[in-house]
Amino acid sequence: MTYSRRAARAKHDPRDASGGGGGAPEATRVRLLGSFSVSVGLRTIEEGQWHLRKAASLVKLLALAPEHRLYREQVMELLWPDLAPKAAANNFHYALYHRGDQSAP
């Protein structure tokens, strides 16, 4: 199962919709059947390469959600059901913004 985020990116960046301001946006593909992987253009992140399992889980949740959208409270309840709201929010932000492809300072 895959989906493309090209239309969503064009909605946020008018240059992508008009074709101006650089090349076309790279396609994003999420593979959920078989082994899990995410590809952006030619770069692929396989399931074992995720530095945070919760970041991978967040991508999986969004890929399966209607219109690929969830409220942050829904995500926090699904991924960290036993944590207090503030702790779950901290974990959510870390998983959302963590750059898994860079080594930590």
PDB file of N, CA and C in Angstrom:
ATOM      1  N   MET A   1       0.849  -1.159   0.000  1.00  0.00           N
ATOM      2  CA  MET A   1       0.000   0.000   0.000  1.00  0.00           C
ATOM      3  C   MET A   1       0.899   1.227   0.000  1.00  0.00           C
ATOM      4  N   THR A   2       0.738   2.120  -0.939  1.00  0.00           N
ATOM      5  CA  THR A   2       1.534   3.341  -1.001  1.00  0.00           C
ATOM      6  C   THR A   2       0.624   4.528  -1.231  1.00  0.00           C
ATOM      7  N   TYR A   3       1.128   5.700  -0.918  1.00  0.00           N
ATOM      8  CA  TYR A   3       0.401   6.913  -1.239  1.00  0.00           C
ATOM      9  C   TYR A   3       1.405   8.011  -1.559  1.00  0.00           C
ATOM     10  N   SER A   4       0.957   9.016  -2.270  1.00  0.00           N
ATOM     11  CA  SER A   4       1.830  10.110  -2.666  1.00  0.00           C
ATOM     12  C   SER A   4       1.404  11.386  -1.963  1.00  0.00           C
ATOM     13  N   ARG A   5       2.363  12.152  -1.517  1.00  0.00           N
ATOM     14  CA  ARG A   5       2.079  13.395  -0.822  1.00  0.00           C
ATOM     15  C   ARG A   5       2.260  14.597  -1.737  1.00  0.00           C
ATOM     16  N   ARG A   6       2.396  14.393  -3.020  1.00  0.00           N
ATOM     17  CA  ARG A   6       2.650  15.493  -3.947  1.00  0.00           C
ATOM     18  C   ARG A   6       1.570  16.568  -3.867  1.00  0.00           C
ATOM     19  N   ALA A   7       0.308  16.183  -3.872  1.00  0.00           N
ATOM     20  CA  ALA A   7      -0.783  17.152  -3.812  1.00  0.00           C
ATOM     21  C   ALA A   7      -0.761  17.914  -2.499  1.00  0.00           C
ATOM     22  N   ALA A   8      -0.495  17.229  -1.398  1.00  0.00           N
ATOM     23  CA  ALA A   8      -0.445  17.898  -0.098  1.00  0.00           C
ATOM     24  C   ALA A   8       0.696  18.895  -0.050  1.00  0.00           C
ATOM     25  N   ARG A   9       1.839  18.545  -0.606  1.00  0.00           N
ATOM     26  CA  ARG A   9       2.971  19.467  -0.616  1.00  0.00           C
ATOM     27  C   ARG A   9       2.682  20.662  -1.501  1.00  0.00           C
ATOM     28  N   ALA A  10       2.017  20.441  -2.622  1.00  0.00           N
ATOM     29  CA  ALA A  10       1.685  21.546  -3.521  1.00  0.00           C
ATOM     30  C   ALA A  10       0.731  22.519  -2.840  1.00  0.00           C
ATOM     31  N   LYS A  11      -0.123  22.006  -1.979  1.00  0.00           N
ATOM     32  CA  LYS A  11      -1.067  22.857  -1.271  1.00  0.00           C
ATOM     33  C   LYS A  11      -0.324  23.832  -0.354  1.00  0.00           C
ATOM     34  N   HIS A  12       0.791  23.393   0.227  1.00  0.00           N
ATOM     35  CA  HIS A  12       1.548  24.218   1.162  1.00  0.00           C
ATOM     36  C   HIS A  12       2.608  25.070   0.487  1.00  0.00           C
ATOM     37  N   ASP A  13       3.041  24.699  -0.683  1.00  0.00           N
ATOM     38  CA  ASP A  13       4.091  25.430  -1.392  1.00  0.00           C
ATOM     39  C   ASP A  13       3.624  25.683  -2.821  1.00  0.00           C
ATOM     40  N   PRO A  14       3.153  26.915  -3.097  1.00  0.00           N
ATOM     41  CA  PRO A  14       2.613  27.202  -4.423  1.00  0.00           C
ATOM     42  C   PRO A  14       3.603  26.945  -5.554  1.00  0.00           C
ATOM     43  N   ARG A  15       4.888  27.014  -5.267  1.00  0.00           N
ATOM     44  CA  ARG A  15       5.879  26.758  -6.324  1.00  0.00           C
ATOM     45  C   ARG A  15       5.756  25.334  -6.837  1.00  0.00           C
ATOM     46  N   ASP A  16       5.415  24.373  -5.930  1.00  0.00           N
ATOM     47  CA  ASP A  16       5.267  22.982  -6.348  1.00  0.00           C
ATOM     48  C   ASP A  16       4.080  22.809  -7.287  1.00  0.00           C
ATOM     49  N   ALA A  17       3.006  23.530  -7.048  1.00  0.00           N
ATOM     50  CA  ALA A  17       1.802  23.382  -7.871  1.00  0.00           C
ATOM     51  C   ALA A  17       1.997  23.965  -9.265  1.00  0.00           C
ATOM     52  N   SER A  18       2.759  25.050  -9.367  1.00  0.00           N
ATOM     53  CA  SER A  18       2.934  25.712 -10.655  1.00  0.00           C
ATOM     54  C   SER A  18       4.099  25.155 -11.447  1.00  0.00           C
ATOM     55  N   GLY A  19       4.950  24.392 -10.775  1.00  0.00           N
ATOM     56  CA  GLY A  19       6.110  23.850 -11.463  1.00  0.00           C
ATOM     57  C   GLY A  19       7.293  24.803 -11.455  1.00  0.00           C
ATOM     58  N   GLY A  20       7.126  25.993 -10.930  1.00  0.00           N
ATOM     59  CA  GLY A  20       8.224  26.947 -10.868  1.00  0.00           C
ATOM     60  C   GLY A  20       9.020  26.787  -9.593  1.00  0.00           C
ATOM     61  N   GLY A  21      10.124  27.517  -9.494  1.00  0.00           N
ATOM     62  CA  GLY A  21      10.909  27.538  -8.271  1.00  0.00           C
ATOM     63  C   GLY A  21      11.665  26.257  -8.002  1.00  0.00           C
ATOM     64  N   GLY A  22      12.171  25.591  -8.991  1.00  0.00           N
ATOM     65  CA  GLY A  22      12.912  24.354  -8.777  1.00  0.00           C
ATOM     66  C   GLY A  22      12.204  23.195  -9.431  1.00  0.00           C
ATOM     67  N   GLY A  23      12.722  22.016  -9.250  1.00  0.00           N
ATOM     68  CA  GLY A  23      12.164  20.824  -9.877  1.00  0.00           C
ATOM     69  C   GLY A  23      10.862  20.397  -9.238  1.00  0.00           C
ATOM     70  N   ALA A  24      10.322  19.347  -9.771  1.00  0.00           N
ATOM     71  CA  ALA A  24       9.087  18.788  -9.242  1.00  0.00           C
ATOM     72  C   ALA A  24       9.364  18.178  -7.869  1.00  0.00           C
ATOM     73  N   PRO A  25       8.361  18.176  -6.982  1.00  0.00           N
ATOM     74  CA  PRO A  25       8.565  17.565  -5.668  1.00  0.00           C
ATOM     75  C   PRO A  25       8.802  16.069  -5.805  1.00  0.00           C
ATOM     76  N   GLU A  26       9.576  15.541  -4.885  1.00  0.00           N
ATOM     77  CA  GLU A  26       9.860  14.108  -4.906  1.00  0.00           C
ATOM     78  C   GLU A  26       8.675  13.345  -4.328  1.00  0.00           C
ATOM     79  N   ALA A  27       8.374  12.221  -4.923  1.00  0.00           N
ATOM     80  CA  ALA A  27       7.267  11.393  -4.454  1.00  0.00           C
ATOM     81  C   ALA A  27       7.636  10.739  -3.127  1.00  0.00           C
ATOM     82  N   THR A  28       6.661  10.643  -2.240  1.00  0.00           N
ATOM     83  CA  THR A  28       6.816   9.961  -0.961  1.00  0.00           C
ATOM     84  C   THR A  28       5.972   8.707  -1.004  1.00  0.00           C
ATOM     85  N   ARG A  29       6.594   7.555  -0.677  1.00  0.00           N
ATOM     86  CA  ARG A  29       5.877   6.300  -0.693  1.00  0.00           C
ATOM     87  C   ARG A  29       6.058   5.602   0.653  1.00  0.00           C
ATOM     88  N   VAL A  30       4.951   5.109   1.177  1.00  0.00           N
ATOM     89  CA  VAL A  30       4.974   4.350   2.428  1.00  0.00           C
ATOM     90  C   VAL A  30       4.505   2.939   2.114  1.00  0.00           C
ATOM     91  N   ARG A  31       5.365   1.963   2.366  1.00  0.00           N
ATOM     92  CA  ARG A  31       5.010   0.559   2.127  1.00  0.00           C
ATOM     93  C   ARG A  31       4.647  -0.073   3.474  1.00  0.00           C
ATOM     94  N   LEU A  32       3.410  -0.571   3.553  1.00  0.00           N
ATOM     95  CA  LEU A  32       2.914  -1.138   4.800  1.00  0.00           C
ATOM     96  C   LEU A  32       2.718  -2.644   4.724  1.00  0.00           C
ATOM     97  N   LEU A  33       2.538  -3.177   3.541  1.00  0.00           N
ATOM     98  CA  LEU A  33       2.355  -4.618   3.387  1.00  0.00           C
ATOM     99  C   LEU A  33       3.705  -5.277   3.166  1.00  0.00           C
ATOM    100  N   GLY A  34       3.923  -6.388   3.813  1.00  0.00           N
ATOM    101  CA  GLY A  34       5.251  -6.993   3.780  1.00  0.00           C
ATOM    102  C   GLY A  34       6.098  -6.286   4.817  1.00  0.00           C
ATOM    103  N   SER A  35       7.266  -5.840   4.438  1.00  0.00           N
ATOM    104  CA  SER A  35       8.093  -5.090   5.380  1.00  0.00           C
ATOM    105  C   SER A  35       7.806  -3.599   5.220  1.00  0.00           C
ATOM    106  N   PHE A  36       7.882  -2.870   6.317  1.00  0.00           N
ATOM    107  CA  PHE A  36       7.608  -1.442   6.341  1.00  0.00           C
ATOM    108  C   PHE A  36       8.802  -0.662   5.821  1.00  0.00           C
ATOM    109  N   SER A  37       8.542   0.320   4.952  1.00  0.00           N
ATOM    110  CA  SER A  37       9.586   1.235   4.502  1.00  0.00           C
ATOM    111  C   SER A  37       8.945   2.533   4.040  1.00  0.00           C
ATOM    112  N   VAL A  38       9.747   3.586   4.051  1.00  0.00           N
ATOM    113  CA  VAL A  38       9.319   4.899   3.561  1.00  0.00           C
ATOM    114  C   VAL A  38      10.363   5.350   2.553  1.00  0.00           C
ATOM    115  N   SER A  39       9.898   5.795   1.389  1.00  0.00           N
ATOM    116  CA  SER A  39      10.797   6.286   0.348  1.00  0.00           C
ATOM    117  C   SER A  39      10.418   7.710  -0.004  1.00  0.00           C
ATOM    118  N   VAL A  40      11.429   8.548  -0.119  1.00  0.00           N
ATOM    119  CA  VAL A  40      11.266   9.912  -0.620  1.00  0.00           C
ATOM    120  C   VAL A  40      12.255  10.038  -1.763  1.00  0.00           C
ATOM    121  N   GLY A  41      11.722  10.170  -2.974  1.00  0.00           N
ATOM    122  CA  GLY A  41      12.598  10.168  -4.143  1.00  0.00           C
ATOM    123  C   GLY A  41      13.332   8.844  -4.213  1.00  0.00           C
ATOM    124  N   LEU A  42      14.645   8.909  -4.269  1.00  0.00           N
ATOM    125  CA  LEU A  42      15.467   7.695  -4.359  1.00  0.00           C
ATOM    126  C   LEU A  42      15.893   7.159  -2.996  1.00  0.00           C
ATOM    127  N   ARG A  43      15.670   7.927  -1.926  1.00  0.00           N
ATOM    128  CA  ARG A  43      16.087   7.513  -0.585  1.00  0.00           C
ATOM    129  C   ARG A  43      15.007   6.661   0.063  1.00  0.00           C
ATOM    130  N   THR A  44      15.404   5.528   0.626  1.00  0.00           N
ATOM    131  CA  THR A  44      14.478   4.620   1.290  1.00  0.00           C
ATOM    132  C   THR A  44      14.962   4.345   2.704  1.00  0.00           C
ATOM    133  N   ILE A  45      14.025   4.390   3.655  1.00  0.00           N
ATOM    134  CA  ILE A  45      14.317   4.043   5.039  1.00  0.00           C
ATOM    135  C   ILE A  45      13.554   2.760   5.332  1.00  0.00           C
ATOM    136  N   GLU A  46      14.294   1.689   5.561  1.00  0.00           N
ATOM    137  CA  GLU A  46      13.692   0.394   5.870  1.00  0.00           C
ATOM    138  C   GLU A  46      13.331   0.349   7.359  1.00  0.00           C
ATOM    139  N   GLU A  47      12.512  -0.611   7.729  1.00  0.00           N
ATOM    140  CA  GLU A  47      12.009  -0.690   9.104  1.00  0.00           C
ATOM    141  C   GLU A  47      13.129  -0.704  10.143  1.00  0.00           C
ATOM    142  N   GLY A  48      14.177  -1.435   9.909  1.00  0.00           N
ATOM    143  CA  GLY A  48      15.271  -1.532  10.875  1.00  0.00           C
ATOM    144  C   GLY A  48      16.156  -0.297  10.953  1.00  0.00           C
ATOM    145  N   GLN A  49      15.988   0.649  10.069  1.00  0.00           N
ATOM    146  CA  GLN A  49      16.832   1.843  10.041  1.00  0.00           C
ATOM    147  C   GLN A  49      16.258   3.012  10.841  1.00  0.00           C
ATOM    148  N   TRP A  50      15.042   2.892  11.353  1.00  0.00           N
ATOM    149  CA  TRP A  50      14.443   3.975  12.127  1.00  0.00           C
ATOM    150  C   TRP A  50      15.133   4.055  13.479  1.00  0.00           C
ATOM    151  N   HIS A  51      15.566   5.229  13.864  1.00  0.00           N
ATOM    152  CA  HIS A  51      16.236   5.406  15.154  1.00  0.00           C
ATOM    153  C   HIS A  51      15.213   5.466  16.283  1.00  0.00           C
ATOM    154  N   LEU A  52      14.012   5.916  15.974  1.00  0.00           N
ATOM    155  CA  LEU A  52      12.927   5.932  16.955  1.00  0.00           C
ATOM    156  C   LEU A  52      11.775   5.083  16.435  1.00  0.00           C
ATOM    157  N   ARG A  53      11.433   4.031  17.161  1.00  0.00           N
ATOM    158  CA  ARG A  53      10.297   3.206  16.748  1.00  0.00           C
ATOM    159  C   ARG A  53       8.997   3.999  16.769  1.00  0.00           C
ATOM    160  N   LYS A  54       8.885   4.933  17.702  1.00  0.00           N
ATOM    161  CA  LYS A  54       7.651   5.723  17.787  1.00  0.00           C
ATOM    162  C   LYS A  54       7.516   6.658  16.582  1.00  0.00           C
ATOM    163  N   ALA A  55       8.614   7.123  16.019  1.00  0.00           N
ATOM    164  CA  ALA A  55       8.544   7.938  14.801  1.00  0.00           C
ATOM    165  C   ALA A  55       8.020   7.087  13.644  1.00  0.00           C
ATOM    166  N   ALA A  56       8.476   5.859  13.557  1.00  0.00           N
ATOM    167  CA  ALA A  56       7.971   4.946  12.530  1.00  0.00           C
ATOM    168  C   ALA A  56       6.497   4.648  12.768  1.00  0.00           C
ATOM    169  N   SER A  57       6.122   4.462  14.021  1.00  0.00           N
ATOM    170  CA  SER A  57       4.717   4.217  14.350  1.00  0.00           C
ATOM    171  C   SER A  57       3.851   5.416  13.989  1.00  0.00           C
ATOM    172  N   LEU A  58       4.366   6.611  14.181  1.00  0.00           N
ATOM    173  CA  LEU A  58       3.638   7.823  13.809  1.00  0.00           C
ATOM    174  C   LEU A  58       3.388   7.864  12.306  1.00  0.00           C
ATOM    175  N   VAL A  59       4.384   7.529  11.510  1.00  0.00           N
ATOM    176  CA  VAL A  59       4.224   7.491  10.052  1.00  0.00           C
ATOM    177  C   VAL A  59       3.188   6.437   9.662  1.00  0.00           C
ATOM    178  N   LYS A  60       3.232   5.287  10.293  1.00  0.00           N
ATOM    179  CA  LYS A  60       2.263   4.229  10.002  1.00  0.00           C
ATOM    180  C   LYS A  60       0.841   4.677  10.325  1.00  0.00           C
ATOM    181  N   LEU A  61       0.676   5.312  11.490  1.00  0.00           N
ATOM    182  CA  LEU A  61      -0.658   5.803  11.869  1.00  0.00           C
ATOM    183  C   LEU A  61      -1.188   6.800  10.858  1.00  0.00           C
ATOM    184  N   LEU A  62      -0.338   7.736  10.449  1.00  0.00           N
ATOM    185  CA  LEU A  62      -0.771   8.765   9.500  1.00  0.00           C
ATOM    186  C   LEU A  62      -1.051   8.176   8.124  1.00  0.00           C
ATOM    187  N   ALA A  63      -0.275   7.188   7.737  1.00  0.00           N
ATOM    188  CA  ALA A  63      -0.503   6.556   6.432  1.00  0.00           C
ATOM    189  C   ALA A  63      -1.862   5.865   6.380  1.00  0.00           C
ATOM    190  N   LEU A  64      -2.301   5.329   7.506  1.00  0.00           N
ATOM    191  CA  LEU A  64      -3.557   4.589   7.553  1.00  0.00           C
ATOM    192  C   LEU A  64      -4.763   5.448   7.915  1.00  0.00           C
ATOM    193  N   ALA A  65      -4.523   6.645   8.432  1.00  0.00           N
ATOM    194  CA  ALA A  65      -5.618   7.510   8.865  1.00  0.00           C
ATOM    195  C   ALA A  65      -6.355   8.106   7.666  1.00  0.00           C
ATOM    196  N   PRO A  66      -7.657   8.344   7.822  1.00  0.00           N
ATOM    197  CA  PRO A  66      -8.401   9.005   6.742  1.00  0.00           C
ATOM    198  C   PRO A  66      -7.761  10.352   6.391  1.00  0.00           C
ATOM    199  N   GLU A  67      -7.520  10.564   5.110  1.00  0.00           N
ATOM    200  CA  GLU A  67      -6.860  11.766   4.603  1.00  0.00           C
ATOM    201  C   GLU A  67      -5.477  11.988   5.223  1.00  0.00           C
ATOM    202  N   HIS A  68      -4.919  10.952   5.829  1.00  0.00           N
ATOM    203  CA  HIS A  68      -3.574  10.981   6.425  1.00  0.00           C
ATOM    204  C   HIS A  68      -3.459  12.065   7.493  1.00  0.00           C
ATOM    205  N   ARG A  69      -4.545  12.244   8.256  1.00  0.00           N
ATOM    206  CA  ARG A  69      -4.574  13.262   9.307  1.00  0.00           C
ATOM    207  C   ARG A  69      -5.093  12.672  10.601  1.00  0.00           C
ATOM    208  N   LEU A  70      -4.473  13.092  11.700  1.00  0.00           N
ATOM    209  CA  LEU A  70      -4.938  12.763  13.044  1.00  0.00           C
ATOM    210  C   LEU A  70      -4.687  13.968  13.936  1.00  0.00           C
ATOM    211  N   TYR A  71      -5.531  14.146  14.928  1.00  0.00           N
ATOM    212  CA  TYR A  71      -5.258  15.165  15.932  1.00  0.00           C
ATOM    213  C   TYR A  71      -4.120  14.679  16.805  1.00  0.00           C
ATOM    214  N   ARG A  72      -3.313  15.621  17.283  1.00  0.00           N
ATOM    215  CA  ARG A  72      -2.162  15.225  18.108  1.00  0.00           C
ATOM    216  C   ARG A  72      -2.618  14.454  19.346  1.00  0.00           C
ATOM    217  N   GLU A  73      -3.774  14.820  19.901  1.00  0.00           N
ATOM    218  CA  GLU A  73      -4.282  14.114  21.077  1.00  0.00           C
ATOM    219  C   GLU A  73      -4.576  12.642  20.761  1.00  0.00           C
ATOM    220  N   GLN A  74      -5.075  12.381  19.534  1.00  0.00           N
ATOM    221  CA  GLN A  74      -5.314  10.991  19.123  1.00  0.00           C
ATOM    222  C   GLN A  74      -4.005  10.221  19.057  1.00  0.00           C
ATOM    223  N   VAL A  75      -2.990  10.838  18.479  1.00  0.00           N
ATOM    224  CA  VAL A  75      -1.684  10.185  18.357  1.00  0.00           C
ATOM    225  C   VAL A  75      -1.097   9.917  19.736  1.00  0.00           C
ATOM    226  N   MET A  76      -1.170  10.914  20.612  1.00  0.00           N
ATOM    227  CA  MET A  76      -0.606  10.745  21.952  1.00  0.00           C
ATOM    228  C   MET A  76      -1.315   9.635  22.714  1.00  0.00           C
ATOM    229  N   GLU A  77      -2.629   9.533  22.564  1.00  0.00           N
ATOM    230  CA  GLU A  77      -3.380   8.480  23.245  1.00  0.00           C
ATOM    231  C   GLU A  77      -3.038   7.097  22.680  1.00  0.00           C
ATOM    232  N   LEU A  78      -2.816   7.027  21.372  1.00  0.00           N
ATOM    233  CA  LEU A  78      -2.481   5.748  20.749  1.00  0.00           C
ATOM    234  C   LEU A  78      -1.057   5.295  21.045  1.00  0.00           C
ATOM    235  N   LEU A  79      -0.107   6.226  21.028  1.00  0.00           N
ATOM    236  CA  LEU A  79       1.301   5.849  21.184  1.00  0.00           C
ATOM    237  C   LEU A  79       1.793   5.877  22.631  1.00  0.00           C
ATOM    238  N   TRP A  80       1.214   6.730  23.470  1.00  0.00           N
ATOM    239  CA  TRP A  80       1.640   6.851  24.869  1.00  0.00           C
ATOM    240  C   TRP A  80       0.432   6.889  25.794  1.00  0.00           C
ATOM    241  N   PRO A  81      -0.372   5.827  25.815  1.00  0.00           N
ATOM    242  CA  PRO A  81      -1.628   5.858  26.583  1.00  0.00           C
ATOM    243  C   PRO A  81      -1.443   5.963  28.093  1.00  0.00           C
ATOM    244  N   ASP A  82      -0.307   5.542  28.618  1.00  0.00           N
ATOM    245  CA  ASP A  82      -0.097   5.527  30.067  1.00  0.00           C
ATOM    246  C   ASP A  82       0.593   6.778  30.593  1.00  0.00           C
ATOM    247  N   LEU A  83       0.969   7.704  29.712  1.00  0.00           N
ATOM    248  CA  LEU A  83       1.685   8.894  30.158  1.00  0.00           C
ATOM    249  C   LEU A  83       0.738  10.056  30.428  1.00  0.00           C
ATOM    250  N   ALA A  84       1.183  10.939  31.300  1.00  0.00           N
ATOM    251  CA  ALA A  84       0.452  12.184  31.551  1.00  0.00           C
ATOM    252  C   ALA A  84       0.463  13.007  30.262  1.00  0.00           C
ATOM    253  N   PRO A  85      -0.524  13.867  30.070  1.00  0.00           N
ATOM    254  CA  PRO A  85      -0.601  14.643  28.818  1.00  0.00           C
ATOM    255  C   PRO A  85       0.666  15.434  28.487  1.00  0.00           C
ATOM    256  N   LYS A  86       1.289  16.055  29.478  1.00  0.00           N
ATOM    257  CA  LYS A  86       2.504  16.842  29.201  1.00  0.00           C
ATOM    258  C   LYS A  86       3.660  15.940  28.760  1.00  0.00           C
ATOM    259  N   ALA A  87       3.824  14.799  29.412  1.00  0.00           N
ATOM    260  CA  ALA A  87       4.888  13.857  29.031  1.00  0.00           C
ATOM    261  C   ALA A  87       4.617  13.277  27.645  1.00  0.00           C
ATOM    262  N   ALA A  88       3.360  12.936  27.372  1.00  0.00           N
ATOM    263  CA  ALA A  88       3.006  12.418  26.051  1.00  0.00           C
ATOM    264  C   ALA A  88       3.253  13.475  24.979  1.00  0.00           C
ATOM    265  N   ALA A  89       2.937  14.743  25.271  1.00  0.00           N
ATOM    266  CA  ALA A  89       3.184  15.831  24.315  1.00  0.00           C
ATOM    267  C   ALA A  89       4.676  15.988  24.045  1.00  0.00           C
ATOM    268  N   ASN A  90       5.501  15.877  25.083  1.00  0.00           N
ATOM    269  CA  ASN A  90       6.957  15.956  24.888  1.00  0.00           C
ATOM    270  C   ASN A  90       7.445  14.827  23.989  1.00  0.00           C
ATOM    271  N   ASN A  91       6.967  13.612  24.235  1.00  0.00           N
ATOM    272  CA  ASN A  91       7.356  12.468  23.403  1.00  0.00           C
ATOM    273  C   ASN A  91       6.879  12.647  21.962  1.00  0.00           C
ATOM    274  N   PHE A  92       5.661  13.159  21.812  1.00  0.00           N
ATOM    275  CA  PHE A  92       5.108  13.403  20.480  1.00  0.00           C
ATOM    276  C   PHE A  92       5.990  14.375  19.699  1.00  0.00           C
ATOM    277  N   HIS A  93       6.351  15.492  20.315  1.00  0.00           N
ATOM    278  CA  HIS A  93       7.188  16.479  19.625  1.00  0.00           C
ATOM    279  C   HIS A  93       8.564  15.917  19.298  1.00  0.00           C
ATOM    280  N   TYR A  94       9.124  15.131  20.204  1.00  0.00           N
ATOM    281  CA  TYR A  94      10.433  14.527  19.928  1.00  0.00           C
ATOM    282  C   TYR A  94      10.342  13.567  18.746  1.00  0.00           C
ATOM    283  N   ALA A  95       9.313  12.723  18.730  1.00  0.00           N
ATOM    284  CA  ALA A  95       9.145  11.773  17.622  1.00  0.00           C
ATOM    285  C   ALA A  95       8.872  12.493  16.311  1.00  0.00           C
ATOM    286  N   LEU A  96       8.134  13.594  16.378  1.00  0.00           N
ATOM    287  CA  LEU A  96       7.772  14.335  15.175  1.00  0.00           C
ATOM    288  C   LEU A  96       8.969  15.044  14.554  1.00  0.00           C
ATOM    289  N   TYR A  97       9.828  15.620  15.371  1.00  0.00           N
ATOM    290  CA  TYR A  97      10.919  16.448  14.855  1.00  0.00           C
ATOM    291  C   TYR A  97      12.290  15.797  14.900  1.00  0.00           C
ATOM    292  N   HIS A  98      12.408  14.610  15.455  1.00  0.00           N
ATOM    293  CA  HIS A  98      13.705  13.921  15.544  1.00  0.00           C
ATOM    294  C   HIS A  98      14.221  13.580  14.157  1.00  0.00           C
ATOM    295  N   ARG A  99      15.454  13.936  13.894  1.00  0.00           N
ATOM    296  CA  ARG A  99      16.081  13.598  12.614  1.00  0.00           C
ATOM    297  C   ARG A  99      16.852  12.297  12.817  1.00  0.00           C
ATOM    298  N   GLY A 100      16.261  11.211  12.426  1.00  0.00           N
ATOM    299  CA  GLY A 100      16.863   9.906  12.628  1.00  0.00           C
ATOM    300  C   GLY A 100      18.065   9.620  11.749  1.00  0.00           C
ATOM    301  N   ASP A 101      18.248  10.430  10.697  1.00  0.00           N
ATOM    302  CA  ASP A 101      19.362  10.172   9.789  1.00  0.00           C
ATOM    303  C   ASP A 101      20.620  10.895  10.189  1.00  0.00           C
ATOM    304  N   GLN A 102      20.584  11.645  11.298  1.00  0.00           N
ATOM    305  CA  GLN A 102      21.769  12.361  11.755  1.00  0.00           C
ATOM    306  C   GLN A 102      22.169  11.814  13.110  1.00  0.00           C
ATOM    307  N   SER A 103      23.460  11.786  13.349  1.00  0.00           N
ATOM    308  CA  SER A 103      23.904  11.335  14.660  1.00  0.00           C
ATOM    309  C   SER A 103      23.670  12.436  15.683  1.00  0.00           C
ATOM    310  N   ALA A 104      23.323  12.057  16.884  1.00  0.00           N
ATOM    311  CA  ALA A 104      23.039  13.038  17.945  1.00  0.00           C
ATOM    312  C   ALA A 104      24.327  13.728  18.366  1.00  0.00           C
ATOM    313  N   PRO A 105      24.249  15.035  18.690  1.00  0.00           N
ATOM    314  CA  PRO A 105      25.461  15.756  19.132  1.00  0.00           C
ATOM    315  C   PRO A 105      25.961  15.291  20.464  1.00  0.00           C
TER     316      PRO A 105
END
